[in-house]
Amino acid sequence: QVQLVESGGGLVQPGGSLRLSCAASGFTFSFSRYVMNWYRQAPGKERELVAVITTAGSTNYADSMKGRFTISRDNAKNTVYLQMNSLKPEDTAVYSCNANRVAFGSIYDYWGQGTQVTVSS
């Protein structure tokens, strides 16, 4: 059974930091073969892509997160991370990780349940 389990969310003051983790298990293919993404969804807003890390380790970020957020992965631990610094109230959202791979004509796309991040004084 495929599982993506996020952790590390919580309440933090503006300017603070959090490190989110997403542990994967049960994948059909090796974890290293999946593109890993972090998304977020704030109340009343659409889900938005936060950061991407490819199988080769290349990264990309939404403009508002560049310079503040860092995505990384540890393939030995089947885990992807999101280091979030200089947090702002507008970063408040449920953060979810996503794994996807296209192989042999099929799309493998998995989601975690999400972890709440609240930035408030």
PDB file of N, CA and C in Angstrom:
ATOM      1  N   GLN A   1       0.841  -1.191   0.000  1.00  0.00           N
ATOM      2  CA  GLN A   1       0.000   0.000   0.000  1.00  0.00           C
ATOM      3  C   GLN A   1       0.880   1.247   0.000  1.00  0.00           C
ATOM      4  N   VAL A   2       0.611   2.123  -0.951  1.00  0.00           N
ATOM      5  CA  VAL A   2       1.392   3.351  -1.066  1.00  0.00           C
ATOM      6  C   VAL A   2       1.007   4.315   0.047  1.00  0.00           C
ATOM      7  N   GLN A   3       2.013   4.868   0.667  1.00  0.00           N
ATOM      8  CA  GLN A   3       1.780   5.887   1.692  1.00  0.00           C
ATOM      9  C   GLN A   3       2.772   7.020   1.551  1.00  0.00           C
ATOM     10  N   LEU A   4       2.252   8.223   1.706  1.00  0.00           N
ATOM     11  CA  LEU A   4       3.074   9.417   1.854  1.00  0.00           C
ATOM     12  C   LEU A   4       2.611  10.072   3.138  1.00  0.00           C
ATOM     13  N   VAL A   5       3.524  10.199   4.078  1.00  0.00           N
ATOM     14  CA  VAL A   5       3.163  10.721   5.392  1.00  0.00           C
ATOM     15  C   VAL A   5       3.982  11.967   5.673  1.00  0.00           C
ATOM     16  N   GLU A   6       3.274  13.102   5.741  1.00  0.00           N
ATOM     17  CA  GLU A   6       3.930  14.376   6.038  1.00  0.00           C
ATOM     18  C   GLU A   6       4.004  14.596   7.540  1.00  0.00           C
ATOM     19  N   SER A   7       5.033  15.318   7.936  1.00  0.00           N
ATOM     20  CA  SER A   7       5.179  15.710   9.336  1.00  0.00           C
ATOM     21  C   SER A   7       5.969  17.010   9.397  1.00  0.00           C
ATOM     22  N   GLY A   8       5.944  17.625  10.579  1.00  0.00           N
ATOM     23  CA  GLY A   8       6.742  18.822  10.785  1.00  0.00           C
ATOM     24  C   GLY A   8       5.978  20.127  10.761  1.00  0.00           C
ATOM     25  N   GLY A   9       4.698  20.058  10.462  1.00  0.00           N
ATOM     26  CA  GLY A   9       3.915  21.277  10.470  1.00  0.00           C
ATOM     27  C   GLY A   9       3.661  21.766  11.888  1.00  0.00           C
ATOM     28  N   GLY A  10       3.068  22.947  11.978  1.00  0.00           N
ATOM     29  CA  GLY A  10       2.757  23.500  13.288  1.00  0.00           C
ATOM     30  C   GLY A  10       2.557  24.986  13.229  1.00  0.00           C
ATOM     31  N   LEU A  11       2.582  25.584  14.405  1.00  0.00           N
ATOM     32  CA  LEU A  11       2.416  27.025  14.548  1.00  0.00           C
ATOM     33  C   LEU A  11       3.792  27.667  14.715  1.00  0.00           C
ATOM     34  N   VAL A  12       4.036  28.700  13.929  1.00  0.00           N
ATOM     35  CA  VAL A  12       5.316  29.394  14.000  1.00  0.00           C
ATOM     36  C   VAL A  12       5.075  30.883  13.839  1.00  0.00           C
ATOM     37  N   GLN A  13       5.915  31.675  14.463  1.00  0.00           N
ATOM     38  CA  GLN A  13       5.788  33.127  14.356  1.00  0.00           C
ATOM     39  C   GLN A  13       6.335  33.612  13.019  1.00  0.00           C
ATOM     40  N   PRO A  14       5.848  34.745  12.551  1.00  0.00           N
ATOM     41  CA  PRO A  14       6.420  35.323  11.320  1.00  0.00           C
ATOM     42  C   PRO A  14       7.926  35.476  11.445  1.00  0.00           C
ATOM     43  N   GLY A  15       8.616  35.130  10.363  1.00  0.00           N
ATOM     44  CA  GLY A  15      10.066  35.158  10.374  1.00  0.00           C
ATOM     45  C   GLY A  15      10.705  33.864  10.828  1.00  0.00           C
ATOM     46  N   GLY A  16       9.899  32.959  11.336  1.00  0.00           N
ATOM     47  CA  GLY A  16      10.416  31.695  11.825  1.00  0.00           C
ATOM     48  C   GLY A  16      10.626  30.671  10.726  1.00  0.00           C
ATOM     49  N   SER A  17      11.019  29.475  11.159  1.00  0.00           N
ATOM     50  CA  SER A  17      11.330  28.399  10.218  1.00  0.00           C
ATOM     51  C   SER A  17      10.639  27.116  10.630  1.00  0.00           C
ATOM     52  N   LEU A  18      10.382  26.293   9.638  1.00  0.00           N
ATOM     53  CA  LEU A  18       9.887  24.938   9.847  1.00  0.00           C
ATOM     54  C   LEU A  18      10.514  24.027   8.803  1.00  0.00           C
ATOM     55  N   ARG A  19      10.656  22.783   9.159  1.00  0.00           N
ATOM     56  CA  ARG A  19      11.129  21.781   8.213  1.00  0.00           C
ATOM     57  C   ARG A  19      10.081  20.685   8.106  1.00  0.00           C
ATOM     58  N   LEU A  20       9.504  20.553   6.944  1.00  0.00           N
ATOM     59  CA  LEU A  20       8.525  19.507   6.694  1.00  0.00           C
ATOM     60  C   LEU A  20       9.223  18.273   6.135  1.00  0.00           C
ATOM     61  N   SER A  21       8.687  17.123   6.495  1.00  0.00           N
ATOM     62  CA  SER A  21       9.187  15.854   5.962  1.00  0.00           C
ATOM     63  C   SER A  21       8.030  15.092   5.346  1.00  0.00           C
ATOM     64  N   CYS A  22       8.352  14.294   4.360  1.00  0.00           N
ATOM     65  CA  CYS A  22       7.353  13.434   3.729  1.00  0.00           C
ATOM     66  C   CYS A  22       8.011  12.076   3.507  1.00  0.00           C
ATOM     67  N   ALA A  23       7.553  11.089   4.243  1.00  0.00           N
ATOM     68  CA  ALA A  23       8.113   9.748   4.160  1.00  0.00           C
ATOM     69  C   ALA A  23       7.243   8.879   3.261  1.00  0.00           C
ATOM     70  N   ALA A  24       7.883   8.223   2.319  1.00  0.00           N
ATOM     71  CA  ALA A  24       7.172   7.421   1.330  1.00  0.00           C
ATOM     72  C   ALA A  24       7.396   5.937   1.581  1.00  0.00           C
ATOM     73  N   SER A  25       6.370   5.164   1.267  1.00  0.00           N
ATOM     74  CA  SER A  25       6.497   3.715   1.364  1.00  0.00           C
ATOM     75  C   SER A  25       5.523   3.053   0.397  1.00  0.00           C
ATOM     76  N   GLY A  26       5.829   1.835   0.035  1.00  0.00           N
ATOM     77  CA  GLY A  26       4.921   1.051  -0.782  1.00  0.00           C
ATOM     78  C   GLY A  26       4.904   1.379  -2.261  1.00  0.00           C
ATOM     79  N   PHE A  27       5.889   2.149  -2.731  1.00  0.00           N
ATOM     80  CA  PHE A  27       5.904   2.513  -4.149  1.00  0.00           C
ATOM     81  C   PHE A  27       6.174   1.316  -5.037  1.00  0.00           C
ATOM     82  N   THR A  28       5.605   1.383  -6.232  1.00  0.00           N
ATOM     83  CA  THR A  28       5.842   0.342  -7.222  1.00  0.00           C
ATOM     84  C   THR A  28       7.297   0.345  -7.680  1.00  0.00           C
ATOM     85  N   PHE A  29       7.825   1.531  -7.889  1.00  0.00           N
ATOM     86  CA  PHE A  29       9.212   1.688  -8.319  1.00  0.00           C
ATOM     87  C   PHE A  29      10.026   2.272  -7.183  1.00  0.00           C
ATOM     88  N   SER A  30      11.325   2.286  -7.352  1.00  0.00           N
ATOM     89  CA  SER A  30      12.185   2.891  -6.352  1.00  0.00           C
ATOM     90  C   SER A  30      11.818   4.366  -6.164  1.00  0.00           C
ATOM     91  N   PHE A  31      11.849   4.809  -4.919  1.00  0.00           N
ATOM     92  CA  PHE A  31      11.539   6.201  -4.583  1.00  0.00           C
ATOM     93  C   PHE A  31      12.345   7.165  -5.440  1.00  0.00           C
ATOM     94  N   SER A  32      13.567   6.809  -5.724  1.00  0.00           N
ATOM     95  CA  SER A  32      14.450   7.700  -6.466  1.00  0.00           C
ATOM     96  C   SER A  32      13.955   7.985  -7.882  1.00  0.00           C
ATOM     97  N   ARG A  33      13.036   7.190  -8.375  1.00  0.00           N
ATOM     98  CA  ARG A  33      12.536   7.347  -9.743  1.00  0.00           C
ATOM     99  C   ARG A  33      11.313   8.259  -9.835  1.00  0.00           C
ATOM    100  N   TYR A  34      10.894   8.799  -8.727  1.00  0.00           N
ATOM    101  CA  TYR A  34       9.711   9.661  -8.707  1.00  0.00           C
ATOM    102  C   TYR A  34      10.120  11.119  -8.590  1.00  0.00           C
ATOM    103  N   VAL A  35       9.447  11.953  -9.351  1.00  0.00           N
ATOM    104  CA  VAL A  35       9.528  13.388  -9.117  1.00  0.00           C
ATOM    105  C   VAL A  35       8.707  13.677  -7.868  1.00  0.00           C
ATOM    106  N   MET A  36       9.279  14.456  -6.984  1.00  0.00           N
ATOM    107  CA  MET A  36       8.605  14.764  -5.738  1.00  0.00           C
ATOM    108  C   MET A  36       8.258  16.254  -5.702  1.00  0.00           C
ATOM    109  N   ASN A  37       7.050  16.524  -5.258  1.00  0.00           N
ATOM    110  CA  ASN A  37       6.550  17.894  -5.230  1.00  0.00           C
ATOM    111  C   ASN A  37       5.949  18.208  -3.867  1.00  0.00           C
ATOM    112  N   TRP A  38       6.033  19.445  -3.503  1.00  0.00           N
ATOM    113  CA  TRP A  38       5.285  19.982  -2.370  1.00  0.00           C
ATOM    114  C   TRP A  38       4.246  20.959  -2.924  1.00  0.00           C
ATOM    115  N   TYR A  39       3.024  20.797  -2.460  1.00  0.00           N
ATOM    116  CA  TYR A  39       1.935  21.708  -2.781  1.00  0.00           C
ATOM    117  C   TYR A  39       1.402  22.299  -1.479  1.00  0.00           C
ATOM    118  N   ARG A  40       0.646  23.355  -1.619  1.00  0.00           N
ATOM    119  CA  ARG A  40      -0.041  23.907  -0.452  1.00  0.00           C
ATOM    120  C   ARG A  40      -1.404  24.433  -0.872  1.00  0.00           C
ATOM    121  N   GLN A  41      -2.294  24.445   0.099  1.00  0.00           N
ATOM    122  CA  GLN A  41      -3.621  24.988  -0.136  1.00  0.00           C
ATOM    123  C   GLN A  41      -4.071  25.759   1.084  1.00  0.00           C
ATOM    124  N   ALA A  42      -4.294  27.034   0.880  1.00  0.00           N
ATOM    125  CA  ALA A  42      -4.789  27.897   1.939  1.00  0.00           C
ATOM    126  C   ALA A  42      -6.311  27.919   1.897  1.00  0.00           C
ATOM    127  N   PRO A  43      -6.946  28.240   3.021  1.00  0.00           N
ATOM    128  CA  PRO A  43      -8.413  28.279   3.054  1.00  0.00           C
ATOM    129  C   PRO A  43      -8.978  29.209   1.985  1.00  0.00           C
ATOM    130  N   GLY A  44      -9.918  28.694   1.218  1.00  0.00           N
ATOM    131  CA  GLY A  44     -10.559  29.508   0.198  1.00  0.00           C
ATOM    132  C   GLY A  44      -9.750  29.734  -1.059  1.00  0.00           C
ATOM    133  N   LYS A  45      -8.593  29.091  -1.130  1.00  0.00           N
ATOM    134  CA  LYS A  45      -7.733  29.275  -2.308  1.00  0.00           C
ATOM    135  C   LYS A  45      -7.489  27.935  -2.989  1.00  0.00           C
ATOM    136  N   GLU A  46      -7.061  28.034  -4.238  1.00  0.00           N
ATOM    137  CA  GLU A  46      -6.724  26.821  -4.969  1.00  0.00           C
ATOM    138  C   GLU A  46      -5.371  26.288  -4.510  1.00  0.00           C
ATOM    139  N   ARG A  47      -5.205  25.006  -4.724  1.00  0.00           N
ATOM    140  CA  ARG A  47      -3.921  24.396  -4.406  1.00  0.00           C
ATOM    141  C   ARG A  47      -2.854  24.952  -5.349  1.00  0.00           C
ATOM    142  N   GLU A  48      -1.677  25.217  -4.802  1.00  0.00           N
ATOM    143  CA  GLU A  48      -0.589  25.736  -5.619  1.00  0.00           C
ATOM    144  C   GLU A  48       0.670  24.915  -5.407  1.00  0.00           C
ATOM    145  N   LEU A  49       1.447  24.830  -6.471  1.00  0.00           N
ATOM    146  CA  LEU A  49       2.717  24.124  -6.417  1.00  0.00           C
ATOM    147  C   LEU A  49       3.743  24.991  -5.701  1.00  0.00           C
ATOM    148  N   VAL A  50       4.410  24.400  -4.731  1.00  0.00           N
ATOM    149  CA  VAL A  50       5.410  25.123  -3.945  1.00  0.00           C
ATOM    150  C   VAL A  50       6.811  24.854  -4.483  1.00  0.00           C
ATOM    151  N   ALA A  51       7.145  23.583  -4.631  1.00  0.00           N
ATOM    152  CA  ALA A  51       8.513  23.225  -5.022  1.00  0.00           C
ATOM    153  C   ALA A  51       8.517  21.842  -5.654  1.00  0.00           C
ATOM    154  N   VAL A  52       9.508  21.649  -6.501  1.00  0.00           N
ATOM    155  CA  VAL A  52       9.679  20.386  -7.221  1.00  0.00           C
ATOM    156  C   VAL A  52      11.127  19.943  -7.096  1.00  0.00           C
ATOM    157  N   ILE A  53      11.330  18.645  -6.960  1.00  0.00           N
ATOM    158  CA  ILE A  53      12.674  18.094  -7.058  1.00  0.00           C
ATOM    159  C   ILE A  53      12.596  16.875  -7.968  1.00  0.00           C
ATOM    160  N   THR A  54      13.429  16.880  -8.984  1.00  0.00           N
ATOM    161  CA  THR A  54      13.388  15.810  -9.973  1.00  0.00           C
ATOM    162  C   THR A  54      14.188  14.599  -9.500  1.00  0.00           C
ATOM    163  N   THR A  55      14.154  13.571 -10.321  1.00  0.00           N
ATOM    164  CA  THR A  55      14.917  12.369  -9.991  1.00  0.00           C
ATOM    165  C   THR A  55      16.420  12.644 -10.015  1.00  0.00           C
ATOM    166  N   ALA A  56      16.817  13.642 -10.774  1.00  0.00           N
ATOM    167  CA  ALA A  56      18.233  14.005 -10.850  1.00  0.00           C
ATOM    168  C   ALA A  56      18.633  14.997  -9.774  1.00  0.00           C
ATOM    169  N   GLY A  57      17.665  15.446  -8.994  1.00  0.00           N
ATOM    170  CA  GLY A  57      17.971  16.379  -7.924  1.00  0.00           C
ATOM    171  C   GLY A  57      17.828  17.843  -8.299  1.00  0.00           C
ATOM    172  N   SER A  58      17.366  18.113  -9.503  1.00  0.00           N
ATOM    173  CA  SER A  58      17.116  19.503  -9.880  1.00  0.00           C
ATOM    174  C   SER A  58      15.893  20.019  -9.152  1.00  0.00           C
ATOM    175  N   THR A  59      15.916  21.294  -8.832  1.00  0.00           N
ATOM    176  CA  THR A  59      14.818  21.879  -8.053  1.00  0.00           C
ATOM    177  C   THR A  59      14.226  23.090  -8.756  1.00  0.00           C
ATOM    178  N   ASN A  60      12.987  23.355  -8.416  1.00  0.00           N
ATOM    179  CA  ASN A  60      12.322  24.540  -8.926  1.00  0.00           C
ATOM    180  C   ASN A  60      11.295  24.983  -7.896  1.00  0.00           C
ATOM    181  N   TYR A  61      11.041  26.288  -7.865  1.00  0.00           N
ATOM    182  CA  TYR A  61      10.177  26.853  -6.834  1.00  0.00           C
ATOM    183  C   TYR A  61       9.209  27.853  -7.428  1.00  0.00           C
ATOM    184  N   ALA A  62       8.077  27.989  -6.761  1.00  0.00           N
ATOM    185  CA  ALA A  62       7.181  29.083  -7.093  1.00  0.00           C
ATOM    186  C   ALA A  62       7.888  30.389  -6.743  1.00  0.00           C
ATOM    187  N   ASP A  63       7.583  31.427  -7.476  1.00  0.00           N
ATOM    188  CA  ASP A  63       8.304  32.692  -7.326  1.00  0.00           C
ATOM    189  C   ASP A  63       8.285  33.204  -5.889  1.00  0.00           C
ATOM    190  N   SER A  64       7.160  33.078  -5.228  1.00  0.00           N
ATOM    191  CA  SER A  64       7.040  33.652  -3.881  1.00  0.00           C
ATOM    192  C   SER A  64       7.833  32.861  -2.839  1.00  0.00           C
ATOM    193  N   MET A  65       8.313  31.674  -3.195  1.00  0.00           N
ATOM    194  CA  MET A  65       9.072  30.851  -2.265  1.00  0.00           C
ATOM    195  C   MET A  65      10.580  30.872  -2.537  1.00  0.00           C
ATOM    196  N   LYS A  66      10.959  31.383  -3.681  1.00  0.00           N
ATOM    197  CA  LYS A  66      12.383  31.384  -4.038  1.00  0.00           C
ATOM    198  C   LYS A  66      13.184  32.157  -3.016  1.00  0.00           C
ATOM    199  N   GLY A  67      14.270  31.553  -2.577  1.00  0.00           N
ATOM    200  CA  GLY A  67      15.134  32.191  -1.601  1.00  0.00           C
ATOM    201  C   GLY A  67      14.724  31.955  -0.168  1.00  0.00           C
ATOM    202  N   ARG A  68      13.524  31.444   0.038  1.00  0.00           N
ATOM    203  CA  ARG A  68      13.052  31.183   1.399  1.00  0.00           C
ATOM    204  C   ARG A  68      12.870  29.689   1.660  1.00  0.00           C
ATOM    205  N   PHE A  69      12.432  28.953   0.650  1.00  0.00           N
ATOM    206  CA  PHE A  69      12.158  27.529   0.808  1.00  0.00           C
ATOM    207  C   PHE A  69      13.218  26.707   0.075  1.00  0.00           C
ATOM    208  N   THR A  70      13.518  25.542   0.626  1.00  0.00           N
ATOM    209  CA  THR A  70      14.454  24.626  -0.008  1.00  0.00           C
ATOM    210  C   THR A  70      13.889  23.217   0.033  1.00  0.00           C
ATOM    211  N   ILE A  71      13.768  22.613  -1.128  1.00  0.00           N
ATOM    212  CA  ILE A  71      13.324  21.221  -1.211  1.00  0.00           C
ATOM    213  C   ILE A  71      14.547  20.329  -1.367  1.00  0.00           C
ATOM    214  N   SER A  72      14.512  19.190  -0.711  1.00  0.00           N
ATOM    215  CA  SER A  72      15.602  18.224  -0.834  1.00  0.00           C
ATOM    216  C   SER A  72      15.030  16.828  -0.678  1.00  0.00           C
ATOM    217  N   ARG A  73      15.835  15.849  -1.030  1.00  0.00           N
ATOM    218  CA  ARG A  73      15.373  14.474  -0.899  1.00  0.00           C
ATOM    219  C   ARG A  73      16.515  13.600  -0.419  1.00  0.00           C
ATOM    220  N   ASP A  74      16.141  12.562   0.312  1.00  0.00           N
ATOM    221  CA  ASP A  74      17.088  11.541   0.753  1.00  0.00           C
ATOM    222  C   ASP A  74      16.538  10.212   0.250  1.00  0.00           C
ATOM    223  N   ASN A  75      17.082   9.756  -0.847  1.00  0.00           N
ATOM    224  CA  ASN A  75      16.549   8.542  -1.462  1.00  0.00           C
ATOM    225  C   ASN A  75      16.795   7.307  -0.598  1.00  0.00           C
ATOM    226  N   ALA A  76      17.826   7.337   0.197  1.00  0.00           N
ATOM    227  CA  ALA A  76      18.094   6.207   1.084  1.00  0.00           C
ATOM    228  C   ALA A  76      17.022   6.081   2.168  1.00  0.00           C
ATOM    229  N   LYS A  77      16.413   7.207   2.498  1.00  0.00           N
ATOM    230  CA  LYS A  77      15.375   7.217   3.528  1.00  0.00           C
ATOM    231  C   LYS A  77      13.972   7.336   2.938  1.00  0.00           C
ATOM    232  N   ASN A  78      13.878   7.355   1.600  1.00  0.00           N
ATOM    233  CA  ASN A  78      12.573   7.506   0.940  1.00  0.00           C
ATOM    234  C   ASN A  78      11.814   8.727   1.472  1.00  0.00           C
ATOM    235  N   THR A  79      12.534   9.809   1.611  1.00  0.00           N
ATOM    236  CA  THR A  79      11.956  10.989   2.248  1.00  0.00           C
ATOM    237  C   THR A  79      12.301  12.246   1.449  1.00  0.00           C
ATOM    238  N   VAL A  80      11.330  13.139   1.369  1.00  0.00           N
ATOM    239  CA  VAL A  80      11.551  14.457   0.783  1.00  0.00           C
ATOM    240  C   VAL A  80      11.279  15.499   1.868  1.00  0.00           C
ATOM    241  N   TYR A  81      12.030  16.577   1.813  1.00  0.00           N
ATOM    242  CA  TYR A  81      11.953  17.612   2.839  1.00  0.00           C
ATOM    243  C   TYR A  81      11.615  18.958   2.203  1.00  0.00           C
ATOM    244  N   LEU A  82      11.056  19.820   3.038  1.00  0.00           N
ATOM    245  CA  LEU A  82      10.855  21.204   2.644  1.00  0.00           C
ATOM    246  C   LEU A  82      11.284  22.078   3.817  1.00  0.00           C
ATOM    247  N   GLN A  83      12.417  22.733   3.648  1.00  0.00           N
ATOM    248  CA  GLN A  83      12.892  23.685   4.652  1.00  0.00           C
ATOM    249  C   GLN A  83      12.291  25.035   4.321  1.00  0.00           C
ATOM    250  N   MET A  84      11.580  25.595   5.281  1.00  0.00           N
ATOM    251  CA  MET A  84      10.896  26.867   5.071  1.00  0.00           C
ATOM    252  C   MET A  84      11.440  27.892   6.055  1.00  0.00           C
ATOM    253  N   ASN A  85      12.023  28.939   5.528  1.00  0.00           N
ATOM    254  CA  ASN A  85      12.583  30.012   6.342  1.00  0.00           C
ATOM    255  C   ASN A  85      11.845  31.316   6.066  1.00  0.00           C
ATOM    256  N   SER A  86      12.047  32.264   6.954  1.00  0.00           N
ATOM    257  CA  SER A  86      11.437  33.596   6.801  1.00  0.00           C
ATOM    258  C   SER A  86       9.946  33.479   6.501  1.00  0.00           C
ATOM    259  N   LEU A  87       9.283  32.689   7.298  1.00  0.00           N
ATOM    260  CA  LEU A  87       7.870  32.421   7.040  1.00  0.00           C
ATOM    261  C   LEU A  87       7.022  33.671   7.251  1.00  0.00           C
ATOM    262  N   LYS A  88       5.977  33.755   6.432  1.00  0.00           N
ATOM    263  CA  LYS A  88       5.066  34.888   6.462  1.00  0.00           C
ATOM    264  C   LYS A  88       3.657  34.390   6.747  1.00  0.00           C
ATOM    265  N   PRO A  89       2.791  35.241   7.264  1.00  0.00           N
ATOM    266  CA  PRO A  89       1.409  34.801   7.503  1.00  0.00           C
ATOM    267  C   PRO A  89       0.746  34.228   6.250  1.00  0.00           C
ATOM    268  N   GLU A  90       1.097  34.741   5.100  1.00  0.00           N
ATOM    269  CA  GLU A  90       0.500  34.236   3.856  1.00  0.00           C
ATOM    270  C   GLU A  90       1.000  32.846   3.465  1.00  0.00           C
ATOM    271  N   ASP A  91       1.971  32.323   4.204  1.00  0.00           N
ATOM    272  CA  ASP A  91       2.410  30.947   3.984  1.00  0.00           C
ATOM    273  C   ASP A  91       1.519  29.942   4.709  1.00  0.00           C
ATOM    274  N   THR A  92       0.595  30.445   5.502  1.00  0.00           N
ATOM    275  CA  THR A  92      -0.323  29.569   6.223  1.00  0.00           C
ATOM    276  C   THR A  92      -1.148  28.745   5.245  1.00  0.00           C
ATOM    277  N   ALA A  93      -1.096  27.428   5.393  1.00  0.00           N
ATOM    278  CA  ALA A  93      -1.781  26.522   4.462  1.00  0.00           C
ATOM    279  C   ALA A  93      -1.578  25.087   4.932  1.00  0.00           C
ATOM    280  N   VAL A  94      -2.300  24.192   4.290  1.00  0.00           N
ATOM    281  CA  VAL A  94      -2.011  22.768   4.427  1.00  0.00           C
ATOM    282  C   VAL A  94      -1.007  22.402   3.332  1.00  0.00           C
ATOM    283  N   TYR A  95       0.110  21.837   3.754  1.00  0.00           N
ATOM    284  CA  TYR A  95       1.176  21.465   2.828  1.00  0.00           C
ATOM    285  C   TYR A  95       1.117  19.953   2.597  1.00  0.00           C
ATOM    286  N   SER A  96       1.114  19.582   1.329  1.00  0.00           N
ATOM    287  CA  SER A  96       1.017  18.174   0.969  1.00  0.00           C
ATOM    288  C   SER A  96       2.150  17.801   0.028  1.00  0.00           C
ATOM    289  N   CYS A  97       2.623  16.577   0.166  1.00  0.00           N
ATOM    290  CA  CYS A  97       3.622  16.126  -0.787  1.00  0.00           C
ATOM    291  C   CYS A  97       2.967  15.219  -1.824  1.00  0.00           C
ATOM    292  N   ASN A  98       3.599  15.201  -2.972  1.00  0.00           N
ATOM    293  CA  ASN A  98       3.089  14.454  -4.123  1.00  0.00           C
ATOM    294  C   ASN A  98       4.263  13.763  -4.800  1.00  0.00           C
ATOM    295  N   ALA A  99       4.009  12.537  -5.206  1.00  0.00           N
ATOM    296  CA  ALA A  99       5.015  11.790  -5.961  1.00  0.00           C
ATOM    297  C   ALA A  99       4.421  11.406  -7.298  1.00  0.00           C
ATOM    298  N   ASN A 100       5.163  11.592  -8.354  1.00  0.00           N
ATOM    299  CA  ASN A 100       4.644  11.141  -9.628  1.00  0.00           C
ATOM    300  C   ASN A 100       5.727  10.638 -10.552  1.00  0.00           C
ATOM    301  N   ARG A 101       5.293   9.725 -11.393  1.00  0.00           N
ATOM    302  CA  ARG A 101       6.186   9.138 -12.391  1.00  0.00           C
ATOM    303  C   ARG A 101       5.337   8.646 -13.548  1.00  0.00           C
ATOM    304  N   VAL A 102       5.846   8.837 -14.730  1.00  0.00           N
ATOM    305  CA  VAL A 102       5.226   8.296 -15.922  1.00  0.00           C
ATOM    306  C   VAL A 102       6.128   7.196 -16.436  1.00  0.00           C
ATOM    307  N   ALA A 103       5.597   5.984 -16.532  1.00  0.00           N
ATOM    308  CA  ALA A 103       6.426   4.865 -16.964  1.00  0.00           C
ATOM    309  C   ALA A 103       5.564   3.813 -17.645  1.00  0.00           C
ATOM    310  N   PHE A 104       6.058   3.320 -18.721  1.00  0.00           N
ATOM    311  CA  PHE A 104       5.404   2.220 -19.430  1.00  0.00           C
ATOM    312  C   PHE A 104       3.951   2.540 -19.750  1.00  0.00           C
ATOM    313  N   GLY A 105       3.715   3.793 -20.121  1.00  0.00           N
ATOM    314  CA  GLY A 105       2.380   4.198 -20.523  1.00  0.00           C
ATOM    315  C   GLY A 105       1.410   4.439 -19.382  1.00  0.00           C
ATOM    316  N   SER A 106       1.881   4.404 -18.171  1.00  0.00           N
ATOM    317  CA  SER A 106       1.022   4.623 -17.018  1.00  0.00           C
ATOM    318  C   SER A 106       1.532   5.795 -16.192  1.00  0.00           C
ATOM    319  N   ILE A 107       0.578   6.437 -15.519  1.00  0.00           N
ATOM    320  CA  ILE A 107       0.914   7.540 -14.621  1.00  0.00           C
ATOM    321  C   ILE A 107       0.773   7.048 -13.194  1.00  0.00           C
ATOM    322  N   TYR A 108       1.820   7.233 -12.442  1.00  0.00           N
ATOM    323  CA  TYR A 108       1.819   6.872 -11.022  1.00  0.00           C
ATOM    324  C   TYR A 108       1.845   8.188 -10.241  1.00  0.00           C
ATOM    325  N   ASP A 109       0.765   8.467  -9.544  1.00  0.00           N
ATOM    326  CA  ASP A 109       0.598   9.765  -8.891  1.00  0.00           C
ATOM    327  C   ASP A 109       0.021   9.543  -7.510  1.00  0.00           C
ATOM    328  N   TYR A 110       0.769   9.951  -6.494  1.00  0.00           N
ATOM    329  CA  TYR A 110       0.379   9.689  -5.113  1.00  0.00           C
ATOM    330  C   TYR A 110       0.430  10.964  -4.286  1.00  0.00           C
ATOM    331  N   TRP A 111      -0.470  11.024  -3.289  1.00  0.00           N
ATOM    332  CA  TRP A 111      -0.582  12.200  -2.445  1.00  0.00           C
ATOM    333  C   TRP A 111      -0.578  11.806  -0.970  1.00  0.00           C
ATOM    334  N   GLY A 112      -0.006  12.688  -0.167  1.00  0.00           N
ATOM    335  CA  GLY A 112      -0.126  12.542   1.264  1.00  0.00           C
ATOM    336  C   GLY A 112      -1.361  13.269   1.778  1.00  0.00           C
ATOM    337  N   GLN A 113      -1.596  13.146   3.068  1.00  0.00           N
ATOM    338  CA  GLN A 113      -2.779  13.753   3.687  1.00  0.00           C
ATOM    339  C   GLN A 113      -2.582  15.232   4.001  1.00  0.00           C
ATOM    340  N   GLY A 114      -1.347  15.640   4.077  1.00  0.00           N
ATOM    341  CA  GLY A 114      -1.064  17.046   4.343  1.00  0.00           C
ATOM    342  C   GLY A 114      -0.741  17.320   5.800  1.00  0.00           C
ATOM    343  N   THR A 115      -0.037  18.418   6.008  1.00  0.00           N
ATOM    344  CA  THR A 115       0.284  18.886   7.352  1.00  0.00           C
ATOM    345  C   THR A 115       0.027  20.386   7.413  1.00  0.00           C
ATOM    346  N   GLN A 116      -0.583  20.812   8.497  1.00  0.00           N
ATOM    347  CA  GLN A 116      -0.969  22.218   8.638  1.00  0.00           C
ATOM    348  C   GLN A 116       0.216  23.060   9.076  1.00  0.00           C
ATOM    349  N   VAL A 117       0.412  24.148   8.372  1.00  0.00           N
ATOM    350  CA  VAL A 117       1.404  25.149   8.758  1.00  0.00           C
ATOM    351  C   VAL A 117       0.654  26.455   9.015  1.00  0.00           C
ATOM    352  N   THR A 118       0.833  26.993  10.199  1.00  0.00           N
ATOM    353  CA  THR A 118       0.192  28.250  10.565  1.00  0.00           C
ATOM    354  C   THR A 118       1.259  29.238  10.992  1.00  0.00           C
ATOM    355  N   VAL A 119       1.277  30.373  10.319  1.00  0.00           N
ATOM    356  CA  VAL A 119       2.246  31.416  10.627  1.00  0.00           C
ATOM    357  C   VAL A 119       1.490  32.589  11.230  1.00  0.00           C
ATOM    358  N   SER A 120       1.708  32.793  12.495  1.00  0.00           N
ATOM    359  CA  SER A 120       0.942  33.825  13.197  1.00  0.00           C
ATOM    360  C   SER A 120       1.675  34.236  14.458  1.00  0.00           C
ATOM    361  N   SER A 121       1.496  35.498  14.827  1.00  0.00           N
ATOM    362  CA  SER A 121       2.069  35.981  16.080  1.00  0.00           C
ATOM    363  C   SER A 121       1.050  35.882  17.201  1.00  0.00           C
TER     364      SER A 121
END
